[in-house]
Protein backbone atom coordinates (compact mmCIF):
# COMPACT_ATOMS: atom_id res chain seq x y z
CA MET A 1 -7.10 -17.86 -4.57
CA LEU A 2 -4.58 -18.27 -1.72
CA ASP A 3 -4.04 -21.16 0.64
CA LEU A 4 -3.30 -19.80 4.12
CA ASP A 5 -2.12 -22.19 6.84
CA LEU A 6 -3.12 -20.63 10.16
CA SER A 7 -3.62 -23.82 12.16
CA PRO A 8 -5.40 -24.19 14.53
CA HIS A 9 -7.35 -21.30 12.97
CA THR A 10 -8.75 -21.64 9.47
CA ALA A 11 -9.04 -19.19 6.60
CA SER A 12 -11.66 -19.52 3.88
CA ARG A 13 -13.20 -17.25 1.29
CA LEU A 14 -16.25 -15.34 2.53
CA THR A 15 -19.36 -14.80 0.41
CA LEU A 16 -22.46 -12.68 0.85
CA ALA A 17 -23.96 -15.60 2.78
CA ASP A 18 -21.35 -14.85 5.48
CA ALA A 19 -22.36 -11.18 5.74
CA PRO A 20 -24.30 -11.58 9.05
CA ALA A 21 -21.30 -13.15 10.85
CA LEU A 22 -18.96 -10.59 9.29
CA GLN A 23 -21.26 -7.75 10.36
CA ARG A 24 -21.15 -9.00 13.96
CA LEU A 25 -17.33 -9.06 13.80
CA CYS A 26 -17.25 -5.50 12.46
CA GLU A 27 -19.53 -4.37 15.27
CA ARG A 28 -17.24 -6.01 17.86
CA CYS A 29 -14.37 -4.00 16.36
CA GLY A 30 -15.96 -0.65 17.15
CA ASP A 31 -12.61 0.92 18.07
CA TYR A 32 -11.48 0.64 14.45
CA TYR A 33 -14.71 2.02 12.99
CA LEU A 34 -14.70 5.01 15.34
CA MET A 35 -11.18 5.78 14.08
CA GLU A 36 -11.99 5.31 10.38
CA GLU A 37 -15.60 6.39 10.09
CA GLY A 38 -16.01 8.57 13.16
CA ALA A 39 -18.99 6.33 14.04
CA PRO A 40 -19.80 2.67 14.75
CA ALA A 41 -19.89 0.19 11.86
CA ALA A 42 -22.79 0.97 9.52
CA PRO A 43 -25.54 -1.66 9.13
CA ASP A 44 -24.22 -2.56 5.64
CA THR A 45 -20.50 -2.61 6.53
CA ALA A 46 -20.08 -6.35 5.90
CA GLU A 47 -21.85 -6.28 2.55
CA HIS A 48 -19.76 -3.27 1.49
CA LEU A 49 -16.51 -4.98 2.51
CA LEU A 50 -17.45 -8.09 0.52
CA THR A 51 -18.35 -6.20 -2.65
CA VAL A 52 -16.31 -2.99 -2.91
CA LEU A 53 -13.60 -3.05 -5.61
CA PRO A 54 -10.85 -0.69 -6.72
CA PRO A 55 -11.04 0.74 -10.26
CA ARG A 56 -10.53 -1.79 -13.07
CA LYS A 57 -10.66 -4.79 -10.72
CA THR A 58 -13.19 -7.62 -10.69
CA HIS A 59 -14.36 -10.01 -8.00
CA ALA A 60 -11.96 -12.60 -9.47
CA ASP A 61 -9.13 -10.32 -8.25
CA LYS A 62 -10.55 -9.97 -4.73
CA TYR A 63 -10.11 -12.45 -1.90
CA VAL A 64 -11.94 -11.83 1.36
CA ALA A 65 -10.86 -14.47 3.84
CA GLY A 66 -12.69 -15.17 7.04
CA ILE A 67 -10.42 -16.23 9.88
CA ARG A 68 -12.17 -18.71 12.16
CA ALA A 69 -11.18 -19.89 15.63
CA PRO A 70 -11.02 -23.67 16.24
CA GLY A 71 -14.68 -23.63 17.37
CA GLY A 72 -15.78 -22.00 14.09
CA GLU A 73 -16.35 -18.45 15.34
CA LEU A 74 -15.36 -15.71 12.88
CA VAL A 75 -12.56 -13.80 14.64
CA GLY A 76 -10.97 -11.98 11.72
CA VAL A 77 -11.24 -10.85 8.14
CA LEU A 78 -8.58 -10.25 5.51
CA ASP A 79 -9.27 -8.42 2.24
CA LEU A 80 -6.70 -8.87 -0.55
CA ILE A 81 -6.64 -7.54 -4.10
CA ARG A 82 -4.40 -9.23 -6.67
CA ASP A 83 -2.42 -7.18 -9.22
CA PHE A 84 -3.23 -3.89 -7.54
CA PRO A 85 -2.05 -1.20 -7.79
CA GLY A 86 0.23 -2.81 -10.38
CA GLU A 87 0.98 -6.18 -11.89
CA ARG A 88 2.39 -8.72 -9.37
CA GLU A 89 1.53 -6.31 -6.54
CA TRP A 90 -1.08 -7.19 -3.93
CA TRP A 91 -3.06 -4.79 -1.78
CA ILE A 92 -4.23 -5.60 1.73
CA GLY A 93 -7.44 -3.63 1.85
CA PHE A 94 -8.30 -4.75 5.33
CA LEU A 95 -7.08 -6.89 8.19
CA LEU A 96 -9.45 -6.77 11.12
CA LEU A 97 -9.28 -8.98 14.19
CA ASP A 98 -11.72 -9.34 17.04
CA PRO A 99 -10.28 -7.46 20.06
CA ALA A 100 -10.13 -10.76 22.00
CA ALA A 101 -7.94 -12.32 19.26
CA ARG A 102 -5.46 -9.46 18.85
CA ALA A 103 -3.08 -10.38 21.67
CA ALA A 104 -2.62 -14.00 20.56
CA ARG A 105 -0.14 -13.19 17.73
CA LEU A 106 -2.79 -14.22 15.21
CA GLY A 107 -2.23 -11.03 13.22
CA SER A 108 1.49 -11.77 12.93
CA ARG A 109 0.78 -15.29 11.74
CA ILE A 110 -1.68 -13.98 9.15
CA VAL A 111 0.76 -11.41 7.78
CA GLU A 112 3.63 -13.88 7.47
CA GLU A 113 1.39 -16.50 5.89
CA VAL A 114 0.02 -13.92 3.42
CA ALA A 115 3.58 -12.91 2.48
CA ARG A 116 4.48 -16.56 1.89
CA ALA A 117 1.34 -17.26 -0.16
CA VAL A 118 1.60 -14.05 -2.22
CA ALA A 119 5.25 -14.79 -3.05
CA ALA A 120 4.31 -18.37 -4.02
CA ALA A 121 1.64 -16.93 -6.33
CA GLY A 122 4.26 -14.76 -8.07
CA GLY A 123 3.61 -11.55 -6.16
CA THR A 124 6.58 -9.26 -5.55
CA VAL A 125 5.07 -6.52 -3.39
CA ILE A 126 2.36 -6.13 -0.77
CA GLN A 127 0.95 -2.66 -0.12
CA LEU A 128 -1.61 -1.33 2.32
CA GLY A 129 -2.86 1.84 3.94
CA VAL A 130 -2.99 2.40 7.68
CA LEU A 131 -4.91 5.27 9.25
CA GLU A 132 -2.58 7.90 10.77
CA PRO A 133 -4.27 7.80 14.19
CA ASN A 134 -3.78 4.02 14.29
CA VAL A 135 -0.34 4.19 15.94
CA ALA A 136 -0.51 0.57 17.11
CA GLY A 137 -1.44 -0.52 13.58
CA GLU A 138 1.46 1.40 12.06
CA ARG A 139 3.85 -0.16 14.59
CA PHE A 140 2.44 -3.62 13.78
CA TRP A 141 3.00 -3.24 10.04
CA ARG A 142 6.51 -1.82 10.49
CA ARG A 143 7.40 -4.84 12.66
CA HIS A 144 6.44 -7.01 9.69
CA GLY A 145 8.75 -5.29 7.20
CA PHE A 146 6.40 -2.65 5.78
CA ALA A 147 7.92 0.76 5.06
CA GLU A 148 6.16 4.05 4.50
CA LEU A 149 5.79 5.17 0.89
CA ARG A 150 3.69 8.30 1.42
CA ARG A 151 0.88 9.90 3.41
CA GLN A 152 -2.27 11.02 1.70
CA PRO A 153 -5.72 12.37 2.51
CA TYR A 154 -8.47 9.79 2.91
CA THR A 155 -12.22 10.17 3.11
CA ALA A 156 -14.09 7.30 4.71
CA ARG A 157 -17.34 6.00 3.28
CA SER A 158 -19.19 8.00 5.97
CA GLY A 159 -17.52 11.19 4.75
CA HIS A 160 -15.22 11.31 7.79
CA PRO A 161 -11.90 12.89 6.71
CA GLY A 162 -8.53 11.46 7.64
CA ARG A 163 -5.06 10.63 6.40
CA VAL A 164 -3.63 7.27 5.51
CA ILE A 165 -0.04 6.04 5.54
CA VAL A 166 0.58 3.96 2.41
CA MET A 167 3.09 1.22 3.25
CA CYS A 168 4.90 -1.42 1.21
CA ARG A 169 6.73 -4.68 1.78
CA ARG A 170 8.89 -6.08 -1.00
CA LEU A 171 8.90 -9.87 -1.22
CA VAL A 172 11.82 -10.34 -3.65
C-alpha cells in the first residue's frame, strides 16, 4: 500500500504469519500496555492488532507495517488505515517501537516518511489518538506537526478506562 524508505531499517506489510514476532515486540513494550490496558499485553495482542478494523473498513484499507532492524529483528509496528475517518484522510492506529529503538530517532523518520508517502498517495490529513497519560507521546506528535482536535473518553480492549487526545496533521 505504501512504500516507506527507512534505510537501513526496512518496512514491510505484516500478516498473521508474523504474529509470534509481533507478540514478542508487544511484550517488550510493556510500558505502553500498562498505560493503555492497565495490564501487560494480552496473549492475543498481535493477532488483534493485525485484524481489528474500524467500522466500514476492510483489510484492503489497513496497512500494518513491521519495522525491522538491519539484522531482521522486528523493532517496530505501524498501523495505518486509509480513508478514515474520511476520504483522503489516514489514521495512524498504532506506532509502537521497541524501547531500545526509541532513542535512535527511528520514530521521527517513520513519521516523516509516512507523511511523505500518504501525501504521494493523495492523502491530505493524518489523524491519530494518543493516550492522555502518554505525555512523551503527545510531545513527540506535536513536534511532528500534529495539533490537538479534541479529547474523548476511551475504553481499552481490557475494559480499562482512559482518555485519548485526537490529533491531526494537515499535509496540504
